[in-house]
N, C-alpha and C. Protein backbone atom coordinates (compact mmCIF):
# COMPACT_ATOMS: atom_id res chain seq x y z
N MET A 1 -27.95 -15.24 6.74
CA MET A 1 -26.41 -14.55 6.04
C MET A 1 -26.99 -13.43 7.08
N ASP A 2 -25.90 -12.66 6.81
CA ASP A 2 -25.35 -11.42 7.61
C ASP A 2 -25.97 -10.12 6.91
N ILE A 3 -26.66 -9.19 7.23
CA ILE A 3 -27.55 -8.01 6.76
C ILE A 3 -26.35 -7.11 6.25
N PRO A 4 -26.33 -6.93 4.92
CA PRO A 4 -25.30 -5.99 3.92
C PRO A 4 -25.00 -4.54 4.76
N SER A 5 -26.38 -3.75 5.22
CA SER A 5 -26.11 -2.92 5.61
C SER A 5 -26.01 -2.70 7.27
N LEU A 6 -25.51 -3.60 8.15
CA LEU A 6 -24.89 -3.42 9.41
C LEU A 6 -23.47 -3.61 9.08
N LYS A 7 -22.97 -4.03 8.01
CA LYS A 7 -21.42 -4.30 8.26
C LYS A 7 -21.00 -2.74 8.33
N ASP A 8 -19.66 -3.08 9.06
CA ASP A 8 -19.10 -1.88 9.19
C ASP A 8 -18.02 -1.66 8.47
N VAL A 9 -18.20 -0.82 7.70
CA VAL A 9 -17.36 -0.14 6.52
C VAL A 9 -16.89 0.76 6.79
N PRO A 10 -15.42 0.78 6.95
CA PRO A 10 -15.11 2.23 6.88
C PRO A 10 -15.34 3.34 5.78
N GLU A 11 -15.82 4.56 6.00
CA GLU A 11 -16.11 5.88 4.90
C GLU A 11 -14.74 6.79 4.48
N VAL A 12 -13.80 6.36 5.22
CA VAL A 12 -12.63 6.74 4.73
C VAL A 12 -11.52 6.09 4.93
N PHE A 13 -10.43 5.71 4.22
CA PHE A 13 -9.15 5.10 4.68
C PHE A 13 -8.17 5.40 3.32
N GLU A 14 -6.65 4.95 3.47
CA GLU A 14 -5.68 5.61 3.08
C GLU A 14 -5.19 4.26 2.61
N THR A 15 -4.45 4.62 1.67
CA THR A 15 -2.85 4.04 0.90
C THR A 15 -2.29 4.51 0.79
N ALA A 16 -0.79 4.13 0.66
CA ALA A 16 0.50 4.84 0.49
C ALA A 16 0.30 6.46 -0.09
N ARG A 17 -0.54 6.32 -1.17
CA ARG A 17 -0.61 7.89 -1.74
C ARG A 17 -1.68 8.29 -1.87
N LEU A 18 -3.14 7.38 -1.48
CA LEU A 18 -4.42 8.20 -1.50
C LEU A 18 -5.07 8.06 -0.07
N LEU A 19 -6.12 8.75 -0.36
CA LEU A 19 -7.03 9.23 0.73
C LEU A 19 -8.07 8.55 -0.28
N LEU A 20 -9.05 7.26 0.36
CA LEU A 20 -10.08 6.93 -0.49
C LEU A 20 -11.54 7.26 0.62
N ARG A 21 -12.46 7.93 -0.03
CA ARG A 21 -13.34 8.28 0.77
C ARG A 21 -14.80 8.39 0.35
N CYS A 22 -15.74 7.88 0.65
CA CYS A 22 -17.11 7.86 0.39
C CYS A 22 -17.35 9.32 0.17
N PRO A 23 -18.70 9.54 -1.08
CA PRO A 23 -18.70 10.87 -1.24
C PRO A 23 -19.42 11.69 -0.32
N ARG A 24 -19.14 12.74 -0.08
CA ARG A 24 -20.02 13.73 0.59
C ARG A 24 -20.86 14.81 -0.03
N ILE A 25 -21.67 15.51 0.76
CA ILE A 25 -22.68 16.44 0.38
C ILE A 25 -21.41 17.69 -0.11
N GLY A 26 -21.64 18.16 -0.92
CA GLY A 26 -20.46 19.48 -1.59
C GLY A 26 -19.37 18.51 -2.32
N ASP A 27 -19.40 17.45 -2.37
CA ASP A 27 -18.27 17.18 -3.30
C ASP A 27 -18.07 17.24 -4.81
N GLY A 28 -19.96 17.40 -5.38
CA GLY A 28 -20.21 17.44 -6.70
C GLY A 28 -19.43 18.80 -7.54
N VAL A 29 -19.16 19.62 -7.22
CA VAL A 29 -17.76 20.51 -7.66
C VAL A 29 -16.46 19.74 -7.86
N ARG A 30 -15.82 19.13 -6.96
CA ARG A 30 -14.75 18.62 -7.19
C ARG A 30 -14.61 17.28 -8.26
N MET A 31 -16.10 16.85 -7.99
CA MET A 31 -16.13 15.60 -8.72
C MET A 31 -16.41 16.26 -10.31
N HIS A 32 -17.23 17.23 -10.62
CA HIS A 32 -17.47 17.73 -11.61
C HIS A 32 -16.11 17.84 -12.50
N ALA A 33 -15.18 18.98 -11.90
CA ALA A 33 -13.92 19.34 -12.03
C ALA A 33 -13.00 17.78 -12.85
N ALA A 34 -12.74 17.38 -12.07
CA ALA A 34 -12.28 15.73 -12.57
C ALA A 34 -13.05 14.93 -13.96
N VAL A 35 -14.40 14.96 -13.76
CA VAL A 35 -14.70 14.72 -15.17
C VAL A 35 -14.88 15.52 -16.29
N ALA A 36 -15.07 16.61 -16.22
CA ALA A 36 -15.23 17.79 -17.16
C ALA A 36 -13.32 17.46 -17.69
N ALA A 37 -12.45 17.36 -16.70
CA ALA A 37 -11.44 17.30 -17.35
C ALA A 37 -10.94 16.40 -17.79
N SER A 38 -11.46 15.26 -17.95
CA SER A 38 -11.29 13.57 -18.16
C SER A 38 -12.47 13.45 -19.61
N LEU A 39 -13.23 14.13 -19.87
CA LEU A 39 -14.23 13.53 -20.86
C LEU A 39 -13.66 12.94 -22.08
N PRO A 40 -12.80 13.53 -22.72
CA PRO A 40 -11.82 12.49 -24.02
C PRO A 40 -12.01 11.45 -23.82
N ALA A 41 -11.18 11.17 -22.98
CA ALA A 41 -11.07 9.77 -22.16
C ALA A 41 -11.94 8.85 -22.06
N LEU A 42 -12.91 9.52 -21.14
CA LEU A 42 -13.68 8.57 -20.70
C LEU A 42 -14.75 8.05 -21.90
N ARG A 43 -14.72 9.52 -22.77
CA ARG A 43 -15.79 9.26 -23.89
C ARG A 43 -15.59 7.98 -25.08
N GLN A 44 -14.41 7.73 -24.85
CA GLN A 44 -13.87 6.58 -26.04
C GLN A 44 -14.42 5.07 -25.68
N PHE A 45 -15.36 4.90 -24.51
CA PHE A 45 -15.48 3.67 -24.24
C PHE A 45 -16.80 3.92 -23.66
N PRO A 46 -17.79 4.37 -24.46
CA PRO A 46 -19.28 4.70 -24.28
C PRO A 46 -20.53 3.68 -23.64
N ALA A 47 -19.63 2.31 -24.42
CA ALA A 47 -20.77 1.26 -24.08
C ALA A 47 -21.00 1.02 -22.92
N SER A 48 -19.63 1.22 -21.98
CA SER A 48 -18.43 0.80 -20.67
C SER A 48 -18.81 2.14 -20.09
N MET A 49 -19.26 3.15 -20.29
CA MET A 49 -19.26 4.41 -19.43
C MET A 49 -20.46 5.43 -19.89
N PRO A 50 -21.61 4.63 -20.25
CA PRO A 50 -22.78 5.63 -20.48
C PRO A 50 -23.18 6.96 -20.03
N TRP A 51 -22.50 7.20 -18.76
CA TRP A 51 -22.86 8.20 -18.01
C TRP A 51 -21.67 9.10 -18.37
N ALA A 52 -20.61 9.45 -19.13
CA ALA A 52 -19.84 9.85 -19.53
C ALA A 52 -20.46 10.69 -20.97
N MET A 53 -21.59 10.40 -21.51
CA MET A 53 -21.60 10.76 -22.73
C MET A 53 -22.68 11.99 -22.40
N GLU A 54 -23.21 11.91 -21.58
CA GLU A 54 -23.69 13.11 -20.81
C GLU A 54 -23.06 14.27 -20.65
N GLU A 55 -23.69 14.96 -20.95
CA GLU A 55 -23.21 16.59 -20.74
C GLU A 55 -22.59 17.07 -19.25
N PRO A 56 -21.26 16.88 -18.86
CA PRO A 56 -21.15 17.11 -17.28
C PRO A 56 -21.97 18.24 -16.69
N SER A 57 -22.35 18.35 -15.33
CA SER A 57 -22.62 19.60 -14.94
C SER A 57 -22.67 19.42 -13.22
N VAL A 58 -22.60 20.39 -12.49
CA VAL A 58 -22.14 20.02 -11.11
C VAL A 58 -23.34 19.58 -10.71
N GLY A 59 -24.67 19.91 -11.31
CA GLY A 59 -25.58 19.10 -10.08
C GLY A 59 -25.75 18.32 -10.42
N ALA A 60 -25.29 17.20 -11.87
CA ALA A 60 -25.27 16.07 -11.71
C ALA A 60 -24.15 15.19 -11.07
N SER A 61 -23.22 15.84 -10.66
CA SER A 61 -21.81 15.32 -9.58
C SER A 61 -22.45 15.31 -8.59
N GLU A 62 -23.21 16.24 -7.82
CA GLU A 62 -23.65 16.61 -6.70
C GLU A 62 -24.35 15.43 -6.55
N GLN A 63 -25.33 15.27 -7.39
CA GLN A 63 -26.56 14.10 -7.24
C GLN A 63 -25.87 12.82 -7.13
N PHE A 64 -24.89 12.68 -7.88
CA PHE A 64 -24.00 10.97 -8.01
C PHE A 64 -23.55 10.98 -6.88
N CYS A 65 -22.53 12.05 -5.85
CA CYS A 65 -22.35 12.18 -4.51
C CYS A 65 -23.41 12.01 -3.20
N ARG A 66 -24.16 12.37 -3.58
CA ARG A 66 -25.32 12.80 -2.42
C ARG A 66 -25.81 11.17 -2.55
N GLU A 67 -26.60 10.61 -3.72
CA GLU A 67 -27.03 9.38 -3.84
C GLU A 67 -26.19 8.06 -3.60
N GLY A 68 -24.90 8.41 -4.02
CA GLY A 68 -23.77 7.22 -3.63
C GLY A 68 -23.30 7.35 -2.22
N ARG A 69 -23.95 8.20 -1.80
CA ARG A 69 -23.71 8.09 -0.32
C ARG A 69 -24.41 7.30 0.52
N ALA A 70 -25.92 7.34 0.10
CA ALA A 70 -26.80 6.69 1.01
C ALA A 70 -26.87 5.40 0.16
N HIS A 71 -26.51 5.11 -0.82
CA HIS A 71 -26.43 3.68 -1.32
C HIS A 71 -25.14 2.86 -0.49
N TYR A 72 -24.36 4.15 -0.61
CA TYR A 72 -22.53 3.15 0.17
C TYR A 72 -23.74 3.03 1.66
N LEU A 73 -24.12 3.82 2.25
CA LEU A 73 -24.73 2.98 3.84
C LEU A 73 -25.77 2.27 3.47
N MET A 74 -26.22 1.97 2.37
CA MET A 74 -27.22 0.70 2.78
C MET A 74 -26.41 -0.73 1.67
N ARG A 75 -24.97 -0.45 1.51
CA ARG A 75 -24.51 -1.52 0.86
C ARG A 75 -24.94 -1.91 -0.73
N MET A 76 -25.53 -1.12 -1.16
CA MET A 76 -26.13 -1.44 -2.34
C MET A 76 -25.07 -0.89 -3.99
N THR A 77 -24.70 0.30 -3.69
CA THR A 77 -23.44 0.26 -4.87
C THR A 77 -22.47 1.25 -3.91
N MET A 78 -21.03 1.05 -3.83
CA MET A 78 -20.06 1.78 -3.22
C MET A 78 -19.22 2.48 -3.66
N PRO A 79 -19.39 3.77 -3.52
CA PRO A 79 -18.53 4.63 -4.25
C PRO A 79 -17.54 5.19 -3.45
N TRP A 80 -15.58 5.27 -3.88
CA TRP A 80 -14.75 5.67 -3.60
C TRP A 80 -14.42 6.90 -4.24
N LEU A 81 -14.55 8.23 -3.98
CA LEU A 81 -13.57 9.04 -4.37
C LEU A 81 -11.91 8.90 -4.19
N LEU A 82 -11.40 9.29 -5.47
CA LEU A 82 -9.68 9.48 -4.50
C LEU A 82 -8.52 10.26 -4.73
N PHE A 83 -8.21 10.45 -3.59
CA PHE A 83 -7.69 11.87 -3.23
C PHE A 83 -6.25 11.77 -3.24
N PRO A 84 -5.35 12.41 -3.71
CA PRO A 84 -3.83 11.97 -3.52
C PRO A 84 -3.76 12.97 -2.38
N LYS A 85 -2.99 12.19 -1.52
CA LYS A 85 -2.71 13.00 -0.18
C LYS A 85 -2.42 14.01 -0.08
N GLY A 86 -3.03 14.59 0.72
CA GLY A 86 -2.52 16.45 0.91
C GLY A 86 -3.17 17.24 0.18
N THR A 87 -4.30 16.71 -0.85
CA THR A 87 -5.16 17.66 -1.66
C THR A 87 -6.34 17.30 -1.38
N ASP A 88 -7.32 18.40 -2.09
CA ASP A 88 -8.95 18.24 -2.34
C ASP A 88 -9.43 18.19 -3.91
N ILE A 89 -8.36 17.81 -4.80
CA ILE A 89 -8.44 17.06 -6.18
C ILE A 89 -9.16 15.65 -6.15
N VAL A 90 -9.89 15.42 -6.83
CA VAL A 90 -10.58 14.27 -7.13
C VAL A 90 -10.19 13.49 -8.32
N ALA A 91 -9.25 12.42 -7.72
CA ALA A 91 -8.34 11.92 -9.02
C ALA A 91 -9.06 10.66 -9.48
N GLY A 92 -9.88 10.62 -9.06
CA GLY A 92 -10.93 9.49 -9.60
C GLY A 92 -11.78 8.50 -8.94
N CYS A 93 -12.40 7.35 -9.33
CA CYS A 93 -13.21 7.02 -8.55
C CYS A 93 -13.60 5.73 -9.14
N VAL A 94 -13.69 4.83 -7.82
CA VAL A 94 -13.59 3.57 -7.83
C VAL A 94 -14.89 3.02 -7.22
N VAL A 95 -16.22 2.10 -7.83
CA VAL A 95 -17.11 1.35 -7.43
C VAL A 95 -17.26 0.34 -7.38
N LEU A 96 -17.71 -0.29 -5.91
CA LEU A 96 -18.16 -1.90 -5.57
C LEU A 96 -20.02 -1.36 -6.40
N HIS A 97 -20.14 -2.38 -7.07
CA HIS A 97 -21.75 -2.59 -7.28
C HIS A 97 -22.28 -4.01 -7.83
N THR A 98 -23.23 -3.97 -8.49
CA THR A 98 -23.86 -5.35 -8.90
C THR A 98 -23.53 -6.28 -7.79
N PHE A 99 -23.63 -5.95 -6.25
CA PHE A 99 -23.70 -7.03 -5.60
C PHE A 99 -24.57 -8.49 -5.42
N ASP A 100 -24.04 -9.46 -5.11
CA ASP A 100 -25.03 -10.68 -5.15
C ASP A 100 -24.88 -11.42 -3.39
N TRP A 101 -25.29 -10.80 -2.71
CA TRP A 101 -24.74 -11.20 -1.29
C TRP A 101 -24.93 -12.64 -1.13
N SER A 102 -25.54 -13.22 -1.95
CA SER A 102 -26.02 -14.85 -1.61
C SER A 102 -24.75 -15.73 -2.20
N VAL A 103 -23.71 -14.78 -2.66
CA VAL A 103 -22.14 -15.19 -3.04
C VAL A 103 -20.74 -15.59 -2.12
N PRO A 104 -20.96 -13.79 -1.38
CA PRO A 104 -21.27 -12.62 -1.76
C PRO A 104 -20.49 -12.68 -2.90
N LYS A 105 -20.44 -11.56 -3.77
CA LYS A 105 -19.50 -10.80 -4.94
C LYS A 105 -20.28 -9.48 -5.00
N ALA A 106 -19.39 -8.98 -5.76
CA ALA A 106 -19.41 -7.92 -6.66
C ALA A 106 -18.27 -7.49 -7.58
N GLU A 107 -19.24 -6.53 -8.14
CA GLU A 107 -18.56 -6.03 -9.79
C GLU A 107 -17.68 -4.83 -8.84
N ILE A 108 -16.63 -4.25 -9.71
CA ILE A 108 -15.70 -3.09 -9.38
C ILE A 108 -15.76 -2.54 -10.79
N GLY A 109 -16.27 -1.09 -10.40
CA GLY A 109 -15.79 -0.30 -11.56
C GLY A 109 -14.94 1.01 -11.39
N TYR A 110 -14.04 1.40 -12.44
CA TYR A 110 -13.56 2.65 -11.77
C TYR A 110 -12.91 3.66 -13.24
N TRP A 111 -12.44 5.08 -13.03
CA TRP A 111 -11.99 5.36 -14.00
C TRP A 111 -11.13 6.63 -12.95
N GLY A 112 -10.31 7.39 -13.73
CA GLY A 112 -9.20 8.08 -13.27
C GLY A 112 -9.06 9.45 -13.96
N HIS A 113 -9.14 10.43 -13.32
CA HIS A 113 -8.62 12.08 -13.36
C HIS A 113 -7.08 11.80 -14.58
N SER A 114 -7.84 12.65 -16.34
CA SER A 114 -6.81 12.26 -16.98
C SER A 114 -5.74 12.94 -16.68
N ALA A 115 -5.66 13.88 -15.80
CA ALA A 115 -4.25 14.52 -15.32
C ALA A 115 -3.24 13.26 -14.80
N TYR A 116 -3.52 11.93 -13.58
CA TYR A 116 -2.80 11.46 -12.97
C TYR A 116 -2.91 9.90 -14.06
N HIS A 117 -3.41 10.31 -15.19
CA HIS A 117 -3.24 9.11 -15.74
C HIS A 117 -1.35 8.66 -15.64
N GLY A 118 -0.87 7.45 -15.66
CA GLY A 118 -0.34 6.69 -15.69
C GLY A 118 0.98 6.67 -14.36
N GLN A 119 -0.03 7.26 -13.62
CA GLN A 119 0.90 7.36 -12.12
C GLN A 119 0.60 6.19 -10.70
N GLY A 120 -0.54 5.01 -11.43
CA GLY A 120 -0.92 3.99 -10.96
C GLY A 120 -2.20 3.83 -10.13
N LEU A 121 -2.25 5.27 -9.58
CA LEU A 121 -3.44 5.64 -8.27
C LEU A 121 -4.26 4.67 -8.64
N VAL A 122 -5.06 4.57 -9.80
CA VAL A 122 -6.55 3.85 -9.73
C VAL A 122 -5.85 2.05 -9.55
N THR A 123 -4.75 1.86 -9.73
CA THR A 123 -4.63 0.63 -9.57
C THR A 123 -4.08 0.11 -8.21
N GLU A 124 -3.47 1.42 -7.56
CA GLU A 124 -3.81 1.52 -6.33
C GLU A 124 -4.85 1.24 -5.27
N ALA A 125 -5.86 1.99 -5.71
CA ALA A 125 -7.13 2.18 -5.00
C ALA A 125 -7.98 0.86 -5.61
N VAL A 126 -7.95 0.54 -6.53
CA VAL A 126 -8.53 -1.30 -6.91
C VAL A 126 -8.14 -2.26 -5.70
N GLN A 127 -6.54 -2.16 -5.67
CA GLN A 127 -6.00 -3.23 -5.06
C GLN A 127 -6.81 -3.00 -3.20
N ALA A 128 -6.34 -2.00 -2.57
CA ALA A 128 -6.97 -1.34 -1.57
C ALA A 128 -8.78 -1.91 -1.24
N ILE A 129 -9.24 -1.43 -2.35
CA ILE A 129 -10.74 -1.68 -2.28
C ILE A 129 -11.11 -3.13 -2.28
N THR A 130 -10.52 -3.96 -3.31
CA THR A 130 -10.49 -5.27 -2.90
C THR A 130 -10.00 -6.01 -2.00
N ALA A 131 -8.98 -5.74 -1.48
CA ALA A 131 -8.83 -6.27 -0.22
C ALA A 131 -9.32 -5.62 1.03
N MET A 132 -9.88 -4.34 1.36
CA MET A 132 -11.25 -4.33 2.09
C MET A 132 -12.72 -5.34 1.84
N ALA A 133 -12.94 -5.46 0.44
CA ALA A 133 -13.91 -6.27 -0.03
C ALA A 133 -14.36 -7.42 0.50
N PHE A 134 -12.73 -8.14 0.41
CA PHE A 134 -12.62 -9.75 1.10
C PHE A 134 -12.46 -9.69 2.69
N SER A 135 -11.94 -8.58 3.52
CA SER A 135 -11.69 -8.77 4.44
C SER A 135 -12.80 -7.98 5.42
N VAL A 136 -13.91 -6.82 4.87
CA VAL A 136 -14.44 -6.37 5.52
C VAL A 136 -16.02 -7.10 4.90
N LEU A 137 -16.36 -6.52 4.16
CA LEU A 137 -17.08 -7.13 3.64
C LEU A 137 -17.67 -8.69 3.56
N GLY A 138 -16.54 -9.29 3.50
CA GLY A 138 -16.48 -10.82 3.52
C GLY A 138 -17.58 -11.33 2.30
N LEU A 139 -17.12 -10.45 1.08
CA LEU A 139 -16.99 -11.37 -0.32
C LEU A 139 -15.99 -12.10 -1.12
N ARG A 140 -16.67 -12.91 -1.76
CA ARG A 140 -15.39 -14.02 -1.97
C ARG A 140 -15.29 -13.42 -3.54
N ARG A 141 -15.82 -13.13 -4.15
CA ARG A 141 -15.48 -12.90 -5.36
C ARG A 141 -15.45 -11.37 -5.98
N VAL A 142 -14.47 -10.69 -6.43
CA VAL A 142 -15.01 -9.30 -7.34
C VAL A 142 -14.75 -9.42 -8.50
N GLU A 143 -15.21 -8.91 -9.48
CA GLU A 143 -15.04 -8.63 -10.81
C GLU A 143 -14.88 -7.59 -11.44
N ALA A 144 -14.46 -7.62 -12.82
CA ALA A 144 -14.28 -6.37 -13.26
C ALA A 144 -14.36 -6.85 -14.81
N LEU A 145 -15.20 -5.81 -15.63
CA LEU A 145 -15.63 -6.36 -16.94
C LEU A 145 -15.20 -4.93 -18.19
N PRO A 146 -14.10 -4.81 -18.55
CA PRO A 146 -13.37 -4.01 -19.00
C PRO A 146 -13.66 -4.03 -20.39
N ASP A 147 -13.99 -2.84 -21.25
CA ASP A 147 -14.47 -3.15 -22.78
C ASP A 147 -12.71 -3.57 -22.79
N ASP A 148 -12.82 -4.88 -24.30
CA ASP A 148 -12.10 -5.47 -24.65
C ASP A 148 -10.96 -4.54 -25.46
N GLU A 149 -11.65 -3.57 -25.72
CA GLU A 149 -10.45 -2.44 -26.30
C GLU A 149 -9.89 -1.46 -25.45
N ASN A 150 -10.03 -1.73 -24.35
CA ASN A 150 -9.79 -0.48 -23.53
C ASN A 150 -8.35 -0.92 -22.51
N LEU A 151 -7.23 -1.14 -23.45
CA LEU A 151 -6.20 -1.17 -23.10
C LEU A 151 -5.49 -1.01 -21.40
N PRO A 152 -5.74 0.29 -21.14
CA PRO A 152 -5.27 0.85 -19.87
C PRO A 152 -6.28 0.61 -18.94
N SER A 153 -7.76 0.06 -18.87
CA SER A 153 -8.69 -0.31 -17.89
C SER A 153 -8.32 -1.94 -17.61
N TRP A 154 -7.82 -2.87 -18.40
CA TRP A 154 -7.50 -3.92 -18.36
C TRP A 154 -6.05 -4.44 -17.56
N ARG A 155 -5.30 -3.20 -17.71
CA ARG A 155 -4.07 -3.20 -17.70
C ARG A 155 -4.01 -3.12 -15.76
N VAL A 156 -5.34 -2.41 -15.72
CA VAL A 156 -5.27 -2.02 -14.18
C VAL A 156 -5.80 -3.06 -13.21
N CYS A 157 -6.42 -4.13 -13.86
CA CYS A 157 -6.77 -5.59 -13.64
C CYS A 157 -5.80 -6.63 -13.33
N GLU A 158 -4.81 -6.25 -14.40
CA GLU A 158 -3.62 -7.04 -14.20
C GLU A 158 -2.74 -6.65 -13.28
N ARG A 159 -2.56 -5.22 -13.09
CA ARG A 159 -1.94 -4.82 -11.84
C ARG A 159 -2.28 -5.05 -10.54
N ALA A 160 -3.69 -5.03 -10.69
CA ALA A 160 -4.27 -5.24 -8.87
C ALA A 160 -4.32 -6.79 -8.56
N GLY A 161 -3.74 -7.86 -9.82
CA GLY A 161 -3.79 -8.85 -9.50
C GLY A 161 -5.23 -9.86 -9.78
N TYR A 162 -5.98 -8.86 -10.63
CA TYR A 162 -7.18 -10.14 -10.76
C TYR A 162 -6.89 -10.73 -12.12
N ARG A 163 -7.11 -11.94 -12.40
CA ARG A 163 -7.02 -12.60 -13.92
C ARG A 163 -8.06 -12.59 -14.60
N LEU A 164 -7.70 -12.89 -15.98
CA LEU A 164 -8.55 -12.93 -16.84
C LEU A 164 -8.82 -14.62 -16.97
N GLU A 165 -10.30 -14.53 -16.80
CA GLU A 165 -11.23 -15.49 -16.78
C GLU A 165 -11.92 -15.74 -18.67
N GLY A 166 -11.75 -14.93 -19.28
CA GLY A 166 -12.29 -15.01 -20.76
C GLY A 166 -13.11 -14.08 -21.37
N THR A 167 -13.93 -13.65 -22.34
CA THR A 167 -14.19 -12.71 -23.02
C THR A 167 -15.75 -12.65 -23.39
N ARG A 168 -16.54 -11.92 -22.91
CA ARG A 168 -18.12 -12.02 -23.27
C ARG A 168 -18.20 -11.38 -24.60
N ARG A 169 -18.65 -12.17 -25.48
CA ARG A 169 -18.72 -11.22 -27.03
C ARG A 169 -19.99 -10.85 -27.16
N HIS A 170 -19.87 -9.65 -27.65
CA HIS A 170 -21.54 -8.87 -27.99
C HIS A 170 -22.24 -8.85 -26.46
N ASP A 171 -21.15 -7.99 -25.33
CA ASP A 171 -21.75 -8.16 -23.91
C ASP A 171 -22.49 -6.60 -23.91
N ARG A 172 -22.09 -5.59 -24.60
CA ARG A 172 -22.58 -4.02 -24.61
C ARG A 172 -22.69 -3.58 -26.13
N MET A 173 -24.24 -2.78 -25.69
CA MET A 173 -23.87 -1.95 -27.30
C MET A 173 -23.48 -0.82 -27.07
N ALA A 174 -22.26 0.13 -27.87
CA ALA A 174 -22.21 1.57 -27.79
C ALA A 174 -23.66 2.27 -28.95
N PRO A 175 -23.51 3.47 -28.35
CA PRO A 175 -24.28 4.63 -28.46
C PRO A 175 -24.47 4.32 -30.61
N ASP A 176 -23.11 3.92 -30.94
CA ASP A 176 -23.57 4.16 -32.30
C ASP A 176 -24.05 2.97 -33.21
N GLY A 177 -24.68 1.35 -32.01
CA GLY A 177 -24.87 0.20 -32.42
C GLY A 177 -24.61 -0.81 -32.58
N ARG A 178 -22.91 -0.28 -32.51
CA ARG A 178 -21.67 -1.33 -32.45
C ARG A 178 -21.39 -1.90 -31.24
N LEU A 179 -21.80 -3.24 -31.55
CA LEU A 179 -21.70 -4.49 -30.01
C LEU A 179 -20.23 -4.38 -29.76
N ARG A 180 -20.12 -4.39 -28.50
CA ARG A 180 -18.80 -4.57 -27.87
C ARG A 180 -18.46 -5.72 -27.07
N ASP A 181 -17.48 -6.02 -26.81
CA ASP A 181 -16.92 -7.34 -26.55
C ASP A 181 -16.36 -6.52 -24.92
N SER A 182 -16.65 -7.62 -23.90
CA SER A 182 -16.25 -7.51 -22.55
C SER A 182 -15.20 -8.55 -22.00
N ARG A 183 -13.88 -7.96 -21.58
CA ARG A 183 -13.31 -8.99 -20.78
C ARG A 183 -13.56 -9.32 -19.57
N VAL A 184 -13.39 -10.58 -18.87
CA VAL A 184 -14.28 -10.65 -17.48
C VAL A 184 -12.70 -11.15 -16.91
N TYR A 185 -12.31 -10.29 -15.73
CA TYR A 185 -11.16 -10.66 -15.24
C TYR A 185 -12.08 -10.65 -13.33
N ALA A 186 -11.07 -11.11 -12.21
CA ALA A 186 -11.43 -11.44 -11.15
C ALA A 186 -10.51 -11.77 -10.14
N ALA A 187 -11.19 -11.51 -8.84
CA ALA A 187 -10.30 -11.52 -7.83
C ALA A 187 -10.80 -12.87 -7.04
N VAL A 188 -10.71 -13.40 -6.37
CA VAL A 188 -11.00 -14.26 -5.54
C VAL A 188 -10.67 -14.66 -4.40
N ASN A 189 -11.48 -14.86 -3.24
CA ASN A 189 -11.01 -14.90 -1.98
C ASN A 189 -11.18 -16.05 -1.20
């Protein structure tokens, strides 16, 4: 088996409209601004994004960026910040996580800055990262588990070419104690 941390994965790559980049030291301020501006949307699905329930801070965002970079290098969790070309604004984040290198497969998660919703940027990033996961990381499966009621999230999956495989009933618990269902979408290679 290949050693995941020895796989050469670009820390920066581009799509038609985006620069996708592994977080760097100092990105916390931009990350915090994007999260703070998007909290109402992010908090609609607390079982899927429990981190959004915490009060955001520059320090927590900087911690995410620094730890994300370290995890990226070890191929444990691989986050990319999304920057519309020609800007230094974080328009979202896409993360490969929950790797199972014996298959090999991973889960993909994402969120977008509210000011950029409806522009297809997250879909563009998910497509690019999925293609890279197959071609560079050698993954055979990438799956997404959006909340069953999160229509925009599962539309991203569908537009990115993922197929619905089913629904996991009572898969997560929201902070209010309600059980939530998750849709299972996957792209396979």
